[in-house]
Amino acid sequence: MALILGIGPDSRVAGYGVAIVAAAMKDIPVFECAAPSVKQAVIGKGSADKAQMQKWCRLY
Protein backbone atom coordinates (compact mmCIF):
# COMPACT_ATOMS: atom_id res chain seq x y z
CA MET A 1 0.00 0.00 0.00
CA ALA A 2 1.29 3.45 -0.84
CA LEU A 3 0.23 6.77 0.54
CA ILE A 4 0.86 9.58 -1.94
CA LEU A 5 1.78 12.87 -0.29
CA GLY A 6 3.01 16.05 -1.88
CA ILE A 7 3.47 19.76 -1.42
CA GLY A 8 0.70 20.77 -3.80
CA PRO A 9 -2.04 19.20 -5.88
CA ASP A 10 0.17 18.92 -8.97
CA SER A 11 2.91 17.01 -7.16
CA ARG A 12 0.33 14.61 -5.69
CA VAL A 13 -1.13 13.94 -9.13
CA ALA A 14 2.35 13.33 -10.57
CA GLY A 15 3.28 11.06 -7.66
CA TYR A 16 0.03 9.16 -8.03
CA GLY A 17 0.70 8.61 -11.72
CA VAL A 18 4.21 7.33 -11.09
CA ALA A 19 2.95 4.96 -8.41
CA ILE A 20 0.23 3.60 -10.72
CA VAL A 21 2.68 2.99 -13.57
CA ALA A 22 5.28 1.39 -11.27
CA ALA A 23 2.64 -0.92 -9.78
CA ALA A 24 1.31 -1.87 -13.21
CA MET A 25 4.82 -2.72 -14.42
CA LYS A 26 5.17 -5.20 -11.53
CA ASP A 27 1.57 -6.52 -11.74
CA ILE A 28 0.78 -5.11 -8.32
CA PRO A 29 -2.92 -4.36 -7.77
CA VAL A 30 -3.86 -0.76 -6.98
CA PHE A 31 -6.88 0.22 -4.89
CA GLU A 32 -8.38 3.63 -4.32
CA CYS A 33 -9.97 4.49 -1.00
CA ALA A 34 -11.91 7.53 0.14
CA ALA A 35 -10.31 9.50 2.98
CA PRO A 36 -13.04 8.61 5.51
CA SER A 37 -12.50 4.91 4.79
CA VAL A 38 -8.77 5.20 5.49
CA LYS A 39 -9.42 7.22 8.64
CA GLN A 40 -11.94 4.62 9.83
CA ALA A 41 -9.41 1.82 9.28
CA VAL A 42 -6.52 3.65 10.93
CA ILE A 43 -8.13 5.57 13.79
CA GLY A 44 -11.48 3.85 14.09
CA LYS A 45 -13.29 7.10 13.38
CA GLY A 46 -14.10 8.21 9.83
CA SER A 47 -14.19 11.86 10.81
CA ALA A 48 -10.72 11.97 12.38
CA ASP A 49 -8.99 15.28 11.88
CA LYS A 50 -5.51 15.90 10.52
CA ALA A 51 -3.92 16.16 13.98
CA GLN A 52 -5.32 12.76 15.01
CA MET A 53 -3.99 11.14 11.83
CA GLN A 54 -0.57 12.73 12.28
CA LYS A 55 -0.37 11.60 15.90
CA TRP A 56 -1.24 8.00 14.98
CA CYS A 57 1.25 7.95 12.11
CA ARG A 58 4.01 9.17 14.40
CA LEU A 59 3.20 6.49 16.99
CA TYR A 60 3.36 3.67 14.48
PDB file of N, CA and C in Angstrom:
ATOM      1  N   MET A   1       0.844  -1.162   0.000  1.00  0.00           N
ATOM      2  CA  MET A   1       0.000   0.000   0.000  1.00  0.00           C
ATOM      3  C   MET A   1       0.895   1.232   0.000  1.00  0.00           C
ATOM      4  N   ALA A   2       0.517   2.213  -0.770  1.00  0.00           N
ATOM      5  CA  ALA A   2       1.291   3.448  -0.839  1.00  0.00           C
ATOM      6  C   ALA A   2       0.399   4.620  -0.485  1.00  0.00           C
ATOM      7  N   LEU A   3       0.932   5.545   0.230  1.00  0.00           N
ATOM      8  CA  LEU A   3       0.232   6.772   0.542  1.00  0.00           C
ATOM      9  C   LEU A   3       0.951   7.880  -0.209  1.00  0.00           C
ATOM     10  N   ILE A   4       0.245   8.551  -1.105  1.00  0.00           N
ATOM     11  CA  ILE A   4       0.857   9.577  -1.938  1.00  0.00           C
ATOM     12  C   ILE A   4       0.690  10.929  -1.264  1.00  0.00           C
ATOM     13  N   LEU A   5       1.792  11.553  -0.913  1.00  0.00           N
ATOM     14  CA  LEU A   5       1.785  12.872  -0.291  1.00  0.00           C
ATOM     15  C   LEU A   5       2.587  13.824  -1.159  1.00  0.00           C
ATOM     16  N   GLY A   6       2.257  15.076  -1.108  1.00  0.00           N
ATOM     17  CA  GLY A   6       3.008  16.052  -1.878  1.00  0.00           C
ATOM     18  C   GLY A   6       2.807  17.439  -1.326  1.00  0.00           C
ATOM     19  N   ILE A   7       3.563  18.375  -1.869  1.00  0.00           N
ATOM     20  CA  ILE A   7       3.475  19.756  -1.419  1.00  0.00           C
ATOM     21  C   ILE A   7       2.212  20.421  -1.953  1.00  0.00           C
ATOM     22  N   GLY A   8       1.885  20.172  -3.201  1.00  0.00           N
ATOM     23  CA  GLY A   8       0.703  20.773  -3.802  1.00  0.00           C
ATOM     24  C   GLY A   8      -0.067  19.745  -4.609  1.00  0.00           C
ATOM     25  N   PRO A   9      -1.208  20.150  -5.123  1.00  0.00           N
ATOM     26  CA  PRO A   9      -2.038  19.204  -5.879  1.00  0.00           C
ATOM     27  C   PRO A   9      -1.332  18.623  -7.102  1.00  0.00           C
ATOM     28  N   ASP A  10      -0.521  19.422  -7.781  1.00  0.00           N
ATOM     29  CA  ASP A  10       0.169  18.923  -8.971  1.00  0.00           C
ATOM     30  C   ASP A  10       1.187  17.844  -8.635  1.00  0.00           C
ATOM     31  N   SER A  11       1.909  18.020  -7.534  1.00  0.00           N
ATOM     32  CA  SER A  11       2.906  17.012  -7.161  1.00  0.00           C
ATOM     33  C   SER A  11       2.237  15.719  -6.723  1.00  0.00           C
ATOM     34  N   ARG A  12       1.056  15.819  -6.078  1.00  0.00           N
ATOM     35  CA  ARG A  12       0.327  14.609  -5.692  1.00  0.00           C
ATOM     36  C   ARG A  12      -0.147  13.853  -6.916  1.00  0.00           C
ATOM     37  N   VAL A  13      -0.647  14.579  -7.910  1.00  0.00           N
ATOM     38  CA  VAL A  13      -1.126  13.938  -9.133  1.00  0.00           C
ATOM     39  C   VAL A  13       0.034  13.255  -9.844  1.00  0.00           C
ATOM     40  N   ALA A  14       1.172  13.920  -9.923  1.00  0.00           N
ATOM     41  CA  ALA A  14       2.345  13.330 -10.574  1.00  0.00           C
ATOM     42  C   ALA A  14       2.817  12.099  -9.800  1.00  0.00           C
ATOM     43  N   GLY A  15       2.862  12.196  -8.481  1.00  0.00           N
ATOM     44  CA  GLY A  15       3.280  11.061  -7.655  1.00  0.00           C
ATOM     45  C   GLY A  15       2.328   9.892  -7.784  1.00  0.00           C
ATOM     46  N   TYR A  16       1.053  10.197  -7.860  1.00  0.00           N
ATOM     47  CA  TYR A  16       0.035   9.161  -8.029  1.00  0.00           C
ATOM     48  C   TYR A  16       0.238   8.439  -9.358  1.00  0.00           C
ATOM     49  N   GLY A  17       0.479   9.200 -10.401  1.00  0.00           N
ATOM     50  CA  GLY A  17       0.699   8.608 -11.724  1.00  0.00           C
ATOM     51  C   GLY A  17       1.912   7.699 -11.751  1.00  0.00           C
ATOM     52  N   VAL A  18       2.985   8.138 -11.141  1.00  0.00           N
ATOM     53  CA  VAL A  18       4.214   7.333 -11.086  1.00  0.00           C
ATOM     54  C   VAL A  18       3.960   6.044 -10.310  1.00  0.00           C
ATOM     55  N   ALA A  19       3.245   6.145  -9.202  1.00  0.00           N
ATOM     56  CA  ALA A  19       2.952   4.956  -8.405  1.00  0.00           C
ATOM     57  C   ALA A  19       2.081   3.965  -9.177  1.00  0.00           C
ATOM     58  N   ILE A  20       1.107   4.467  -9.931  1.00  0.00           N
ATOM     59  CA  ILE A  20       0.228   3.600 -10.721  1.00  0.00           C
ATOM     60  C   ILE A  20       1.029   2.870 -11.799  1.00  0.00           C
ATOM     61  N   VAL A  21       1.875   3.605 -12.499  1.00  0.00           N
ATOM     62  CA  VAL A  21       2.678   2.995 -13.566  1.00  0.00           C
ATOM     63  C   VAL A  21       3.648   1.971 -12.988  1.00  0.00           C
ATOM     64  N   ALA A  22       4.318   2.319 -11.886  1.00  0.00           N
ATOM     65  CA  ALA A  22       5.277   1.386 -11.272  1.00  0.00           C
ATOM     66  C   ALA A  22       4.572   0.109 -10.821  1.00  0.00           C
ATOM     67  N   ALA A  23       3.396   0.256 -10.228  1.00  0.00           N
ATOM     68  CA  ALA A  23       2.642  -0.917  -9.783  1.00  0.00           C
ATOM     69  C   ALA A  23       2.215  -1.776 -10.969  1.00  0.00           C
ATOM     70  N   ALA A  24       1.758  -1.128 -12.025  1.00  0.00           N
ATOM     71  CA  ALA A  24       1.313  -1.865 -13.214  1.00  0.00           C
ATOM     72  C   ALA A  24       2.471  -2.642 -13.844  1.00  0.00           C
ATOM     73  N   MET A  25       3.648  -2.049 -13.832  1.00  0.00           N
ATOM     74  CA  MET A  25       4.817  -2.725 -14.420  1.00  0.00           C
ATOM     75  C   MET A  25       5.194  -3.985 -13.643  1.00  0.00           C
ATOM     76  N   LYS A  26       4.848  -4.036 -12.375  1.00  0.00           N
ATOM     77  CA  LYS A  26       5.166  -5.200 -11.526  1.00  0.00           C
ATOM     78  C   LYS A  26       3.934  -6.050 -11.236  1.00  0.00           C
ATOM     79  N   ASP A  27       2.833  -5.795 -11.942  1.00  0.00           N
ATOM     80  CA  ASP A  27       1.574  -6.523 -11.742  1.00  0.00           C
ATOM     81  C   ASP A  27       1.084  -6.471 -10.292  1.00  0.00           C
ATOM     82  N   ILE A  28       1.250  -5.315  -9.683  1.00  0.00           N
ATOM     83  CA  ILE A  28       0.780  -5.109  -8.315  1.00  0.00           C
ATOM     84  C   ILE A  28      -0.587  -4.426  -8.395  1.00  0.00           C
ATOM     85  N   PRO A  29      -1.602  -4.986  -7.735  1.00  0.00           N
ATOM     86  CA  PRO A  29      -2.924  -4.358  -7.773  1.00  0.00           C
ATOM     87  C   PRO A  29      -2.938  -3.014  -7.047  1.00  0.00           C
ATOM     88  N   VAL A  30      -3.729  -2.099  -7.560  1.00  0.00           N
ATOM     89  CA  VAL A  30      -3.859  -0.759  -6.978  1.00  0.00           C
ATOM     90  C   VAL A  30      -5.315  -0.560  -6.576  1.00  0.00           C
ATOM     91  N   PHE A  31      -5.528  -0.039  -5.395  1.00  0.00           N
ATOM     92  CA  PHE A  31      -6.876   0.222  -4.887  1.00  0.00           C
ATOM     93  C   PHE A  31      -6.989   1.687  -4.504  1.00  0.00           C
ATOM     94  N   GLU A  32      -8.123   2.262  -4.741  1.00  0.00           N
ATOM     95  CA  GLU A  32      -8.385   3.633  -4.319  1.00  0.00           C
ATOM     96  C   GLU A  32      -9.362   3.598  -3.166  1.00  0.00           C
ATOM     97  N   CYS A  33      -9.104   4.417  -2.175  1.00  0.00           N
ATOM     98  CA  CYS A  33      -9.966   4.492  -0.998  1.00  0.00           C
ATOM     99  C   CYS A  33     -10.294   5.945  -0.704  1.00  0.00           C
ATOM    100  N   ALA A  34     -11.518   6.188  -0.282  1.00  0.00           N
ATOM    101  CA  ALA A  34     -11.910   7.526   0.144  1.00  0.00           C
ATOM    102  C   ALA A  34     -11.259   7.831   1.494  1.00  0.00           C
ATOM    103  N   ALA A  35     -10.967   9.095   1.738  1.00  0.00           N
ATOM    104  CA  ALA A  35     -10.309   9.500   2.979  1.00  0.00           C
ATOM    105  C   ALA A  35     -11.038   9.001   4.229  1.00  0.00           C
ATOM    106  N   PRO A  36     -12.357   9.118   4.303  1.00  0.00           N
ATOM    107  CA  PRO A  36     -13.036   8.614   5.513  1.00  0.00           C
ATOM    108  C   PRO A  36     -12.842   7.112   5.732  1.00  0.00           C
ATOM    109  N   SER A  37     -12.723   6.355   4.658  1.00  0.00           N
ATOM    110  CA  SER A  37     -12.498   4.908   4.792  1.00  0.00           C
ATOM    111  C   SER A  37     -11.126   4.627   5.395  1.00  0.00           C
ATOM    112  N   VAL A  38     -10.121   5.369   4.952  1.00  0.00           N
ATOM    113  CA  VAL A  38      -8.768   5.201   5.494  1.00  0.00           C
ATOM    114  C   VAL A  38      -8.746   5.617   6.956  1.00  0.00           C
ATOM    115  N   LYS A  39      -9.375   6.749   7.257  1.00  0.00           N
ATOM    116  CA  LYS A  39      -9.424   7.218   8.645  1.00  0.00           C
ATOM    117  C   LYS A  39     -10.123   6.209   9.543  1.00  0.00           C
ATOM    118  N   GLN A  40     -11.202   5.621   9.061  1.00  0.00           N
ATOM    119  CA  GLN A  40     -11.939   4.616   9.832  1.00  0.00           C
ATOM    120  C   GLN A  40     -11.051   3.411  10.118  1.00  0.00           C
ATOM    121  N   ALA A  41     -10.281   2.980   9.116  1.00  0.00           N
ATOM    122  CA  ALA A  41      -9.412   1.819   9.276  1.00  0.00           C
ATOM    123  C   ALA A  41      -8.242   2.100  10.214  1.00  0.00           C
ATOM    124  N   VAL A  42      -7.705   3.310  10.156  1.00  0.00           N
ATOM    125  CA  VAL A  42      -6.516   3.652  10.932  1.00  0.00           C
ATOM    126  C   VAL A  42      -6.872   4.066  12.356  1.00  0.00           C
ATOM    127  N   ILE A  43      -7.789   4.988  12.487  1.00  0.00           N
ATOM    128  CA  ILE A  43      -8.127   5.572  13.787  1.00  0.00           C
ATOM    129  C   ILE A  43      -9.334   4.898  14.420  1.00  0.00           C
ATOM    130  N   GLY A  44     -10.240   4.402  13.577  1.00  0.00           N
ATOM    131  CA  GLY A  44     -11.484   3.846  14.086  1.00  0.00           C
ATOM    132  C   GLY A  44     -12.602   4.869  14.061  1.00  0.00           C
ATOM    133  N   LYS A  45     -12.315   6.009  13.446  1.00  0.00           N
ATOM    134  CA  LYS A  45     -13.285   7.099  13.379  1.00  0.00           C
ATOM    135  C   LYS A  45     -13.137   7.755  12.003  1.00  0.00           C
ATOM    136  N   GLY A  46     -14.172   7.685  11.189  1.00  0.00           N
ATOM    137  CA  GLY A  46     -14.102   8.214   9.831  1.00  0.00           C
ATOM    138  C   GLY A  46     -13.990   9.716   9.736  1.00  0.00           C
ATOM    139  N   SER A  47     -14.268  10.398  10.838  1.00  0.00           N
ATOM    140  CA  SER A  47     -14.194  11.858  10.814  1.00  0.00           C
ATOM    141  C   SER A  47     -12.971  12.379  11.567  1.00  0.00           C
ATOM    142  N   ALA A  48     -11.949  11.559  11.683  1.00  0.00           N
ATOM    143  CA  ALA A  48     -10.724  11.969  12.377  1.00  0.00           C
ATOM    144  C   ALA A  48     -10.123  13.185  11.681  1.00  0.00           C
ATOM    145  N   ASP A  49      -9.589  14.097  12.479  1.00  0.00           N
ATOM    146  CA  ASP A  49      -8.990  15.284  11.879  1.00  0.00           C
ATOM    147  C   ASP A  49      -7.502  15.035  11.586  1.00  0.00           C
ATOM    148  N   LYS A  50      -6.903  16.024  10.960  1.00  0.00           N
ATOM    149  CA  LYS A  50      -5.511  15.899  10.525  1.00  0.00           C
ATOM    150  C   LYS A  50      -4.572  15.636  11.708  1.00  0.00           C
ATOM    151  N   ALA A  51      -4.788  16.325  12.813  1.00  0.00           N
ATOM    152  CA  ALA A  51      -3.921  16.156  13.983  1.00  0.00           C
ATOM    153  C   ALA A  51      -3.985  14.725  14.527  1.00  0.00           C
ATOM    154  N   GLN A  52      -5.181  14.140  14.542  1.00  0.00           N
ATOM    155  CA  GLN A  52      -5.321  12.760  15.011  1.00  0.00           C
ATOM    156  C   GLN A  52      -4.560  11.800  14.092  1.00  0.00           C
ATOM    157  N   MET A  53      -4.682  12.001  12.790  1.00  0.00           N
ATOM    158  CA  MET A  53      -3.987  11.136  11.832  1.00  0.00           C
ATOM    159  C   MET A  53      -2.471  11.274  11.976  1.00  0.00           C
ATOM    160  N   GLN A  54      -2.002  12.509  12.128  1.00  0.00           N
ATOM    161  CA  GLN A  54      -0.565  12.729  12.275  1.00  0.00           C
ATOM    162  C   GLN A  54      -0.038  12.079  13.547  1.00  0.00           C
ATOM    163  N   LYS A  55      -0.785  12.194  14.635  1.00  0.00           N
ATOM    164  CA  LYS A  55      -0.370  11.596  15.902  1.00  0.00           C
ATOM    165  C   LYS A  55      -0.263  10.083  15.766  1.00  0.00           C
ATOM    166  N   TRP A  56      -1.265   9.458  15.144  1.00  0.00           N
ATOM    167  CA  TRP A  56      -1.241   8.005  14.977  1.00  0.00           C
ATOM    168  C   TRP A  56      -0.073   7.582  14.106  1.00  0.00           C
ATOM    169  N   CYS A  57       0.160   8.301  13.021  1.00  0.00           N
ATOM    170  CA  CYS A  57       1.253   7.947  12.111  1.00  0.00           C
ATOM    171  C   CYS A  57       2.607   8.067  12.783  1.00  0.00           C
ATOM    172  N   ARG A  58       2.757   9.019  13.671  1.00  0.00           N
ATOM    173  CA  ARG A  58       4.012   9.166  14.404  1.00  0.00           C
ATOM    174  C   ARG A  58       4.216   8.033  15.407  1.00  0.00           C
ATOM    175  N   LEU A  59       3.114   7.561  15.994  1.00  0.00           N
ATOM    176  CA  LEU A  59       3.203   6.493  16.990  1.00  0.00           C
ATOM    177  C   LEU A  59       3.594   5.166  16.348  1.00  0.00           C
ATOM    178  N   TYR A  60       3.118   4.957  15.137  1.00  0.00           N
ATOM    179  CA  TYR A  60       3.358   3.673  14.481  1.00  0.00           C
ATOM    180  C   TYR A  60       4.165   3.886  13.262  1.00  0.00           C
TER     181      TYR A  60
END
